[in-house]
Amino acid sequence: MDSDIMHIGGRIRRLRRELKKTLLEVATEASLSVGFLSQVERNLTGISISSLVNVAKALQTPLSALIDQPRQDAPNSHQNSRESYSIRPARQRYERLSTTFPGNQLNAVKVSMMEGYCSEWVAHAGDEFVFVLSGQVRYTVGKRDYLLGPGDSLHFNAHTRHRVANAGDEPAELVAVGTLPLFGDGQPAFPSLPGEQKPARAPGARQSKPRVAAQAVPTSGSRRAKRGANAPDAPMRDATPAAAAAIRRVATRRGEKKNTR
């Protein structure tokens, strides 16, 4: 599952250019800095799975278009039988713990991080729960730090910017559970974006407003005014026969009164 690690950046760049989006647009929508996303595209740094989900959303593409992940079809899994994968070479590895079924809300992974590891700042929808299995980790949520050891846990609103770091001098392991969709089961690996996706509108571009037909208002120089104020409204073909007859009678009476003056 590590064979495509060095291709993630190129895939992000290709999809972004096909959508005619700038680095700034994608970075903003994914809650990342422009500099960080630029380094990811050039394969100069890795990216966490949470941030990769945000990038895929900004690119209007399934996560499976950016990375291959192991499937977990059975509701149960067993230690030493799960396939691990990485999107940050030699720094952090994942083991998928949860399956996928219609309507499921939770996604769980076992995370192994090497000493010295520190993730980028990330924010995403939903909430997140972590349980430390071994080692020492430090979660920073907003402006507050949480130092966690084996048996410790943390539950927080993932909309708040957060990051995690290995705070010890040995590898650390934890279980992360959240509502962010971490897996792209059942989605095509490389969708054909041109012709299927609408290009993103450039910043500041105006949307065309609905065109409203305005009713013409007679002016003093119009043909209606020249015929005289007492002339019947035309056309009468839209009126019912009874209404048209009434209009003619009124016009006739007005003409008779005018002639007697």
C-alpha atoms as a PDB file:
ATOM      1  CA  MET A   1       0.000   0.000   0.000  1.00  0.00           C
ATOM      2  CA  ASP A   2       3.066   2.248   0.122  1.00  0.00           C
ATOM      3  CA  SER A   3       3.774   2.038  -3.615  1.00  0.00           C
ATOM      4  CA  ASP A   4       1.852   5.222  -4.397  1.00  0.00           C
ATOM      5  CA  ILE A   5       3.167   7.421  -1.579  1.00  0.00           C
ATOM      6  CA  MET A   6       5.371   9.472  -3.878  1.00  0.00           C
ATOM      7  CA  HIS A   7       2.540   9.909  -6.382  1.00  0.00           C
ATOM      8  CA  ILE A   8       0.056  11.613  -4.048  1.00  0.00           C
ATOM      9  CA  GLY A   9       1.498  15.077  -4.658  1.00  0.00           C
ATOM     10  CA  GLY A  10       1.407  14.646  -8.425  1.00  0.00           C
ATOM     11  CA  ARG A  11      -2.189  13.437  -8.306  1.00  0.00           C
ATOM     12  CA  ILE A  12      -3.253  16.427  -6.241  1.00  0.00           C
ATOM     13  CA  ARG A  13      -1.553  18.812  -8.656  1.00  0.00           C
ATOM     14  CA  ARG A  14      -3.053  17.123 -11.741  1.00  0.00           C
ATOM     15  CA  LEU A  15      -6.604  17.156 -10.371  1.00  0.00           C
ATOM     16  CA  ARG A  16      -6.239  20.742  -9.170  1.00  0.00           C
ATOM     17  CA  ARG A  17      -5.103  21.913 -12.607  1.00  0.00           C
ATOM     18  CA  GLU A  18      -7.897  20.000 -14.338  1.00  0.00           C
ATOM     19  CA  LEU A  19     -10.359  21.919 -12.167  1.00  0.00           C
ATOM     20  CA  LYS A  20      -8.478  25.162 -12.919  1.00  0.00           C
ATOM     21  CA  LYS A  21      -8.115  25.851  -9.210  1.00  0.00           C
ATOM     22  CA  THR A  22      -5.220  27.735  -7.652  1.00  0.00           C
ATOM     23  CA  LEU A  23      -3.122  26.555  -4.735  1.00  0.00           C
ATOM     24  CA  LEU A  24      -4.754  29.264  -2.635  1.00  0.00           C
ATOM     25  CA  GLU A  25      -8.268  28.066  -3.442  1.00  0.00           C
ATOM     26  CA  VAL A  26      -7.587  24.425  -2.603  1.00  0.00           C
ATOM     27  CA  ALA A  27      -5.540  25.262   0.492  1.00  0.00           C
ATOM     28  CA  THR A  28      -8.260  27.566   1.808  1.00  0.00           C
ATOM     29  CA  GLU A  29     -11.025  25.009   1.241  1.00  0.00           C
ATOM     30  CA  ALA A  30      -8.909  22.289   2.867  1.00  0.00           C
ATOM     31  CA  SER A  31      -7.975  24.478   5.879  1.00  0.00           C
ATOM     32  CA  LEU A  32      -4.275  24.268   5.020  1.00  0.00           C
ATOM     33  CA  SER A  33      -1.565  26.813   4.350  1.00  0.00           C
ATOM     34  CA  VAL A  34      -0.522  27.492   0.756  1.00  0.00           C
ATOM     35  CA  GLY A  35       3.111  26.746   1.574  1.00  0.00           C
ATOM     36  CA  PHE A  36       2.270  23.370   3.086  1.00  0.00           C
ATOM     37  CA  LEU A  37       0.071  22.302   0.153  1.00  0.00           C
ATOM     38  CA  SER A  38       2.792  23.379  -2.279  1.00  0.00           C
ATOM     39  CA  GLN A  39       5.293  21.142  -0.476  1.00  0.00           C
ATOM     40  CA  VAL A  40       2.824  18.244  -0.574  1.00  0.00           C
ATOM     41  CA  GLU A  41       2.372  18.633  -4.342  1.00  0.00           C
ATOM     42  CA  ARG A  42       6.150  18.531  -4.789  1.00  0.00           C
ATOM     43  CA  ASN A  43       6.429  15.492  -2.477  1.00  0.00           C
ATOM     44  CA  LEU A  44       8.630  17.451  -0.082  1.00  0.00           C
ATOM     45  CA  THR A  45       6.467  16.588   2.921  1.00  0.00           C
ATOM     46  CA  GLY A  46       3.771  14.134   3.886  1.00  0.00           C
ATOM     47  CA  ILE A  47       0.165  14.840   4.766  1.00  0.00           C
ATOM     48  CA  SER A  48      -2.155  13.372   7.381  1.00  0.00           C
ATOM     49  CA  ILE A  49      -5.142  11.325   6.317  1.00  0.00           C
ATOM     50  CA  SER A  50      -7.508  13.948   7.780  1.00  0.00           C
ATOM     51  CA  SER A  51      -5.964  16.689   5.654  1.00  0.00           C
ATOM     52  CA  LEU A  52      -6.014  14.417   2.614  1.00  0.00           C
ATOM     53  CA  VAL A  53      -9.774  13.968   3.075  1.00  0.00           C
ATOM     54  CA  ASN A  54     -10.154  17.764   3.080  1.00  0.00           C
ATOM     55  CA  VAL A  55      -8.025  18.079  -0.059  1.00  0.00           C
ATOM     56  CA  ALA A  56     -10.076  15.426  -1.864  1.00  0.00           C
ATOM     57  CA  LYS A  57     -13.247  17.323  -0.984  1.00  0.00           C
ATOM     58  CA  ALA A  58     -11.772  20.581  -2.285  1.00  0.00           C
ATOM     59  CA  LEU A  59     -10.838  18.789  -5.512  1.00  0.00           C
ATOM     60  CA  GLN A  60     -14.364  17.347  -5.830  1.00  0.00           C
ATOM     61  CA  THR A  61     -12.945  13.846  -6.075  1.00  0.00           C
ATOM     62  CA  PRO A  62     -13.144  10.664  -3.987  1.00  0.00           C
ATOM     63  CA  LEU A  63     -10.319   9.941  -1.576  1.00  0.00           C
ATOM     64  CA  SER A  64      -9.525   6.781  -3.547  1.00  0.00           C
ATOM     65  CA  ALA A  65      -8.376   9.004  -6.425  1.00  0.00           C
ATOM     66  CA  LEU A  66      -5.469  10.148  -4.255  1.00  0.00           C
ATOM     67  CA  ILE A  67      -4.497   7.044  -2.292  1.00  0.00           C
ATOM     68  CA  ASP A  68      -5.143   3.304  -2.256  1.00  0.00           C
ATOM     69  CA  GLN A  69      -6.416   2.018   1.083  1.00  0.00           C
ATOM     70  CA  PRO A  70      -7.048  -1.521   2.330  1.00  0.00           C
ATOM     71  CA  ARG A  71     -10.667  -2.624   2.487  1.00  0.00           C
ATOM     72  CA  GLN A  72     -12.318  -3.900   5.649  1.00  0.00           C
ATOM     73  CA  ASP A  73     -15.377  -5.830   4.543  1.00  0.00           C
ATOM     74  CA  ALA A  74     -15.839  -7.874   7.718  1.00  0.00           C
ATOM     75  CA  PRO A  75     -17.183  -6.226  10.883  1.00  0.00           C
ATOM     76  CA  ASN A  76     -14.320  -7.759  12.898  1.00  0.00           C
ATOM     77  CA  SER A  77     -10.557  -7.556  12.457  1.00  0.00           C
ATOM     78  CA  HIS A  78      -7.628  -9.234  14.213  1.00  0.00           C
ATOM     79  CA  GLN A  79      -4.169  -8.141  15.240  1.00  0.00           C
ATOM     80  CA  ASN A  80      -1.364  -9.173  12.864  1.00  0.00           C
ATOM     81  CA  SER A  81      -3.894  -9.764  10.079  1.00  0.00           C
ATOM     82  CA  ARG A  82      -4.591  -6.130   9.236  1.00  0.00           C
ATOM     83  CA  GLU A  83      -2.668  -4.480   6.420  1.00  0.00           C
ATOM     84  CA  SER A  84      -0.915  -1.246   7.383  1.00  0.00           C
ATOM     85  CA  TYR A  85      -0.376   1.680   5.056  1.00  0.00           C
ATOM     86  CA  SER A  86       1.252   5.080   5.115  1.00  0.00           C
ATOM     87  CA  ILE A  87       0.931   8.439   3.413  1.00  0.00           C
ATOM     88  CA  ARG A  88       3.922   9.916   5.209  1.00  0.00           C
ATOM     89  CA  PRO A  89       6.986   7.747   4.534  1.00  0.00           C
ATOM     90  CA  ALA A  90       8.550   6.182   7.645  1.00  0.00           C
ATOM     91  CA  ARG A  91       6.840   8.690   9.961  1.00  0.00           C
ATOM     92  CA  GLN A  92       3.292   7.463  10.523  1.00  0.00           C
ATOM     93  CA  ARG A  93       1.399   4.286   9.655  1.00  0.00           C
ATOM     94  CA  TYR A  94      -2.288   3.363   9.783  1.00  0.00           C
ATOM     95  CA  GLU A  95      -4.244   0.162  10.338  1.00  0.00           C
ATOM     96  CA  ARG A  96      -7.881   0.271   9.382  1.00  0.00           C
ATOM     97  CA  LEU A  97     -10.158  -0.909  12.212  1.00  0.00           C
ATOM     98  CA  SER A  98     -13.667  -0.080  10.981  1.00  0.00           C
ATOM     99  CA  THR A  99     -15.771  -1.390   8.146  1.00  0.00           C
ATOM    100  CA  THR A 100     -18.198   0.443   5.865  1.00  0.00           C
ATOM    101  CA  PHE A 101     -21.916  -0.117   5.514  1.00  0.00           C
ATOM    102  CA  PRO A 102     -24.879   2.044   4.466  1.00  0.00           C
ATOM    103  CA  GLY A 103     -25.434   4.768   7.033  1.00  0.00           C
ATOM    104  CA  ASN A 104     -22.329   4.133   9.139  1.00  0.00           C
ATOM    105  CA  GLN A 105     -21.060   7.209  10.972  1.00  0.00           C
ATOM    106  CA  LEU A 106     -17.841   6.147  12.721  1.00  0.00           C
ATOM    107  CA  ASN A 107     -14.416   5.530  11.224  1.00  0.00           C
ATOM    108  CA  ALA A 108     -11.536   4.107  13.232  1.00  0.00           C
ATOM    109  CA  VAL A 109      -7.825   3.627  12.632  1.00  0.00           C
ATOM    110  CA  LYS A 110      -4.856   2.511  14.666  1.00  0.00           C
ATOM    111  CA  VAL A 111      -2.040   5.025  14.279  1.00  0.00           C
ATOM    112  CA  SER A 112       1.654   4.304  14.799  1.00  0.00           C
ATOM    113  CA  MET A 113       3.917   7.350  14.825  1.00  0.00           C
ATOM    114  CA  MET A 114       7.677   7.461  15.032  1.00  0.00           C
ATOM    115  CA  GLU A 115       9.569   9.628  17.493  1.00  0.00           C
ATOM    116  CA  GLY A 116       9.882  13.227  16.336  1.00  0.00           C
ATOM    117  CA  TYR A 117       6.661  13.087  14.339  1.00  0.00           C
ATOM    118  CA  CYS A 118       4.452  16.191  14.287  1.00  0.00           C
ATOM    119  CA  SER A 119       1.424  16.624  12.049  1.00  0.00           C
ATOM    120  CA  GLU A 120       0.300  19.758  10.263  1.00  0.00           C
ATOM    121  CA  TRP A 121      -2.509  21.901  11.650  1.00  0.00           C
ATOM    122  CA  VAL A 122      -5.851  20.550  10.495  1.00  0.00           C
ATOM    123  CA  ALA A 123      -9.555  21.235  11.019  1.00  0.00           C
ATOM    124  CA  HIS A 124     -12.480  19.244   9.686  1.00  0.00           C
ATOM    125  CA  ALA A 125     -16.118  18.412  10.250  1.00  0.00           C
ATOM    126  CA  GLY A 126     -17.361  16.217  13.088  1.00  0.00           C
ATOM    127  CA  ASP A 127     -15.680  15.173  16.301  1.00  0.00           C
ATOM    128  CA  GLU A 128     -12.662  13.036  17.149  1.00  0.00           C
ATOM    129  CA  PHE A 129     -11.795  10.595  19.928  1.00  0.00           C
ATOM    130  CA  VAL A 130      -8.318   9.189  20.598  1.00  0.00           C
ATOM    131  CA  PHE A 131      -7.086   6.514  23.006  1.00  0.00           C
ATOM    132  CA  VAL A 132      -3.346   6.113  23.565  1.00  0.00           C
ATOM    133  CA  LEU A 133      -2.021   2.548  23.563  1.00  0.00           C
ATOM    134  CA  SER A 134       1.676   3.217  24.091  1.00  0.00           C
ATOM    135  CA  GLY A 135       4.194   6.038  24.156  1.00  0.00           C
ATOM    136  CA  GLN A 136       3.627   9.737  24.822  1.00  0.00           C
ATOM    137  CA  VAL A 137       1.701  12.037  22.490  1.00  0.00           C
ATOM    138  CA  ARG A 138       0.773  15.672  22.667  1.00  0.00           C
ATOM    139  CA  TYR A 139      -2.465  16.906  21.126  1.00  0.00           C
ATOM    140  CA  THR A 140      -2.830  20.633  20.609  1.00  0.00           C
ATOM    141  CA  VAL A 141      -6.459  21.677  20.205  1.00  0.00           C
ATOM    142  CA  GLY A 142      -6.818  25.385  19.613  1.00  0.00           C
ATOM    143  CA  LYS A 143      -4.435  27.004  22.101  1.00  0.00           C
ATOM    144  CA  ARG A 144      -4.440  24.175  24.634  1.00  0.00           C
ATOM    145  CA  ASP A 145      -1.991  21.255  24.884  1.00  0.00           C
ATOM    146  CA  TYR A 146      -2.930  17.784  26.130  1.00  0.00           C
ATOM    147  CA  LEU A 147      -0.097  15.416  27.074  1.00  0.00           C
ATOM    148  CA  LEU A 148      -1.362  11.841  26.887  1.00  0.00           C
ATOM    149  CA  GLY A 149       0.190   8.536  27.905  1.00  0.00           C
ATOM    150  CA  PRO A 150      -0.891   4.881  27.773  1.00  0.00           C
ATOM    151  CA  GLY A 151      -4.534   4.527  28.812  1.00  0.00           C
ATOM    152  CA  ASP A 152      -5.284   8.246  28.377  1.00  0.00           C
ATOM    153  CA  SER A 153      -7.965   9.543  26.013  1.00  0.00           C
ATOM    154  CA  LEU A 154      -9.169  12.772  24.449  1.00  0.00           C
ATOM    155  CA  HIS A 155     -12.483  13.722  22.815  1.00  0.00           C
ATOM    156  CA  PHE A 156     -12.816  17.085  21.048  1.00  0.00           C
ATOM    157  CA  ASN A 157     -14.636  19.096  18.400  1.00  0.00           C
ATOM    158  CA  ALA A 158     -12.620  18.588  15.210  1.00  0.00           C
ATOM    159  CA  HIS A 159     -13.829  21.905  13.769  1.00  0.00           C
ATOM    160  CA  THR A 160     -11.168  23.463  16.033  1.00  0.00           C
ATOM    161  CA  ARG A 161      -7.663  23.548  14.534  1.00  0.00           C
ATOM    162  CA  HIS A 162      -5.583  20.754  16.017  1.00  0.00           C
ATOM    163  CA  ARG A 163      -2.437  18.719  15.549  1.00  0.00           C
ATOM    164  CA  VAL A 164      -0.671  15.780  17.166  1.00  0.00           C
ATOM    165  CA  ALA A 165       2.980  15.102  17.934  1.00  0.00           C
ATOM    166  CA  ASN A 166       4.985  12.260  19.397  1.00  0.00           C
ATOM    167  CA  ALA A 167       6.186  13.793  22.659  1.00  0.00           C
ATOM    168  CA  GLY A 168       8.399  10.878  23.705  1.00  0.00           C
ATOM    169  CA  ASP A 169      11.654   9.302  22.606  1.00  0.00           C
ATOM    170  CA  GLU A 170      10.092   6.089  21.285  1.00  0.00           C
ATOM    171  CA  PRO A 171       7.293   5.176  18.860  1.00  0.00           C
ATOM    172  CA  ALA A 172       3.735   5.812  20.013  1.00  0.00           C
ATOM    173  CA  GLU A 173       0.484   4.068  19.161  1.00  0.00           C
ATOM    174  CA  LEU A 174      -3.100   5.247  19.498  1.00  0.00           C
ATOM    175  CA  VAL A 175      -6.588   4.499  18.261  1.00  0.00           C
ATOM    176  CA  ALA A 176      -8.397   7.384  16.564  1.00  0.00           C
ATOM    177  CA  VAL A 177     -12.168   7.303  16.081  1.00  0.00           C
ATOM    178  CA  GLY A 178     -14.149  10.038  14.375  1.00  0.00           C
ATOM    179  CA  THR A 179     -17.006  10.943  12.095  1.00  0.00           C
ATOM    180  CA  LEU A 180     -14.778  12.188   9.276  1.00  0.00           C
ATOM    181  CA  PRO A 181     -15.091   9.753   6.318  1.00  0.00           C
ATOM    182  CA  LEU A 182     -11.563   8.345   6.136  1.00  0.00           C
ATOM    183  CA  PHE A 183     -12.158   5.670   3.514  1.00  0.00           C
ATOM    184  CA  GLY A 184     -13.276   5.770  -0.101  1.00  0.00           C
ATOM    185  CA  ASP A 185     -14.839   2.325  -0.464  1.00  0.00           C
ATOM    186  CA  GLY A 186     -16.774   1.693  -3.660  1.00  0.00           C
ATOM    187  CA  GLN A 187     -15.509   4.813  -5.440  1.00  0.00           C
ATOM    188  CA  PRO A 188     -13.593   4.855  -8.745  1.00  0.00           C
ATOM    189  CA  ALA A 189      -9.856   5.310  -8.361  1.00  0.00           C
ATOM    190  CA  PHE A 190      -9.367   7.919 -11.061  1.00  0.00           C
ATOM    191  CA  PRO A 191     -12.570   9.676 -12.153  1.00  0.00           C
ATOM    192  CA  SER A 192     -12.546  11.528 -15.442  1.00  0.00           C
ATOM    193  CA  LEU A 193     -12.960  15.046 -14.185  1.00  0.00           C
ATOM    194  CA  PRO A 194     -13.117  17.010 -17.461  1.00  0.00           C
ATOM    195  CA  GLY A 195     -16.720  17.205 -18.600  1.00  0.00           C
ATOM    196  CA  GLU A 196     -18.047  15.687 -15.374  1.00  0.00           C
ATOM    197  CA  GLN A 197     -17.048  18.399 -12.930  1.00  0.00           C
ATOM    198  CA  LYS A 198     -17.768  22.067 -13.254  1.00  0.00           C
ATOM    199  CA  PRO A 199     -14.636  24.223 -12.974  1.00  0.00           C
ATOM    200  CA  ALA A 200     -14.460  26.279  -9.824  1.00  0.00           C
ATOM    201  CA  ARG A 201     -15.418  29.902 -10.213  1.00  0.00           C
ATOM    202  CA  ALA A 202     -12.485  32.257  -9.852  1.00  0.00           C
ATOM    203  CA  PRO A 203     -12.422  34.370  -6.684  1.00  0.00           C
ATOM    204  CA  GLY A 204     -14.458  37.542  -7.079  1.00  0.00           C
ATOM    205  CA  ALA A 205     -16.200  36.342 -10.224  1.00  0.00           C
ATOM    206  CA  ARG A 206     -19.837  37.357 -10.430  1.00  0.00           C
ATOM    207  CA  GLN A 207     -22.618  34.932 -11.003  1.00  0.00           C
ATOM    208  CA  SER A 208     -24.974  35.843 -13.803  1.00  0.00           C
ATOM    209  CA  LYS A 209     -28.241  37.167 -12.428  1.00  0.00           C
ATOM    210  CA  PRO A 210     -31.590  35.857 -13.677  1.00  0.00           C
ATOM    211  CA  ARG A 211     -32.881  37.991 -16.504  1.00  0.00           C
ATOM    212  CA  VAL A 212     -36.278  39.535 -15.825  1.00  0.00           C
ATOM    213  CA  ALA A 213     -38.402  40.847 -18.668  1.00  0.00           C
ATOM    214  CA  ALA A 214     -39.635  44.364 -17.903  1.00  0.00           C
ATOM    215  CA  GLN A 215     -43.120  45.506 -18.956  1.00  0.00           C
ATOM    216  CA  ALA A 216     -43.064  48.431 -21.384  1.00  0.00           C
ATOM    217  CA  VAL A 217     -44.513  51.655 -19.986  1.00  0.00           C
ATOM    218  CA  PRO A 218     -46.150  54.047 -22.509  1.00  0.00           C
ATOM    219  CA  THR A 219     -44.505  57.458 -22.789  1.00  0.00           C
ATOM    220  CA  SER A 220     -45.911  60.759 -23.986  1.00  0.00           C
ATOM    221  CA  GLY A 221     -44.408  60.186 -27.424  1.00  0.00           C
ATOM    222  CA  SER A 222     -45.590  56.625 -27.834  1.00  0.00           C
ATOM    223  CA  ARG A 223     -48.169  55.410 -30.346  1.00  0.00           C
ATOM    224  CA  ARG A 224     -50.606  54.753 -27.490  1.00  0.00           C
ATOM    225  CA  ALA A 225     -50.455  58.385 -26.375  1.00  0.00           C
ATOM    226  CA  LYS A 226     -50.860  59.676 -29.929  1.00  0.00           C
ATOM    227  CA  ARG A 227     -54.098  57.705 -30.373  1.00  0.00           C
ATOM    228  CA  GLY A 228     -55.556  59.512 -27.383  1.00  0.00           C
ATOM    229  CA  ALA A 229     -56.222  58.612 -23.796  1.00  0.00           C
ATOM    230  CA  ASN A 230     -59.742  57.366 -24.620  1.00  0.00           C
ATOM    231  CA  ALA A 231     -58.598  54.767 -27.166  1.00  0.00           C
ATOM    232  CA  PRO A 232     -59.280  51.192 -26.051  1.00  0.00           C
ATOM    233  CA  ASP A 233     -56.350  49.133 -24.881  1.00  0.00           C
ATOM    234  CA  ALA A 234     -54.912  46.836 -27.554  1.00  0.00           C
ATOM    235  CA  PRO A 235     -54.754  44.100 -28.301  1.00  0.00           C
ATOM    236  CA  MET A 236     -58.240  42.911 -27.258  1.00  0.00           C
ATOM    237  CA  ARG A 237     -57.616  39.413 -28.556  1.00  0.00           C
ATOM    238  CA  ASP A 238     -56.468  38.373 -25.074  1.00  0.00           C
ATOM    239  CA  ALA A 239     -59.820  39.448 -23.543  1.00  0.00           C
ATOM    240  CA  THR A 240     -62.899  37.252 -23.317  1.00  0.00           C
ATOM    241  CA  PRO A 241     -65.763  37.995 -25.787  1.00  0.00           C
ATOM    242  CA  ALA A 242     -67.884  39.547 -23.013  1.00  0.00           C
ATOM    243  CA  ALA A 243     -65.026  41.734 -21.811  1.00  0.00           C
ATOM    244  CA  ALA A 244     -64.219  42.825 -25.354  1.00  0.00           C
ATOM    245  CA  ALA A 245     -67.870  43.813 -25.933  1.00  0.00           C
ATOM    246  CA  ALA A 246     -67.895  45.840 -22.719  1.00  0.00           C
ATOM    247  CA  ILE A 247     -64.737  47.670 -23.778  1.00  0.00           C
ATOM    248  CA  ARG A 248     -66.319  48.550 -27.123  1.00  0.00           C
ATOM    249  CA  ARG A 249     -69.487  49.901 -25.445  1.00  0.00           C
ATOM    250  CA  VAL A 250     -67.450  52.119 -23.135  1.00  0.00           C
ATOM    251  CA  ALA A 251     -65.390  53.408 -26.045  1.00  0.00           C
ATOM    252  CA  THR A 252     -68.553  54.131 -28.062  1.00  0.00           C
ATOM    253  CA  ARG A 253     -70.136  56.081 -25.198  1.00  0.00           C
ATOM    254  CA  ARG A 254     -67.003  58.143 -24.711  1.00  0.00           C
ATOM    255  CA  GLY A 255     -66.933  58.914 -28.428  1.00  0.00           C
ATOM    256  CA  GLU A 256     -70.614  59.982 -28.393  1.00  0.00           C
ATOM    257  CA  LYS A 257     -70.050  62.304 -25.440  1.00  0.00           C
ATOM    258  CA  LYS A 258     -67.036  63.806 -27.162  1.00  0.00           C
ATOM    259  CA  ASN A 259     -69.032  64.505 -30.362  1.00  0.00           C
ATOM    260  CA  THR A 260     -71.853  66.261 -28.463  1.00  0.00           C
ATOM    261  CA  ARG A 261     -69.458  68.730 -26.869  1.00  0.00           C
END
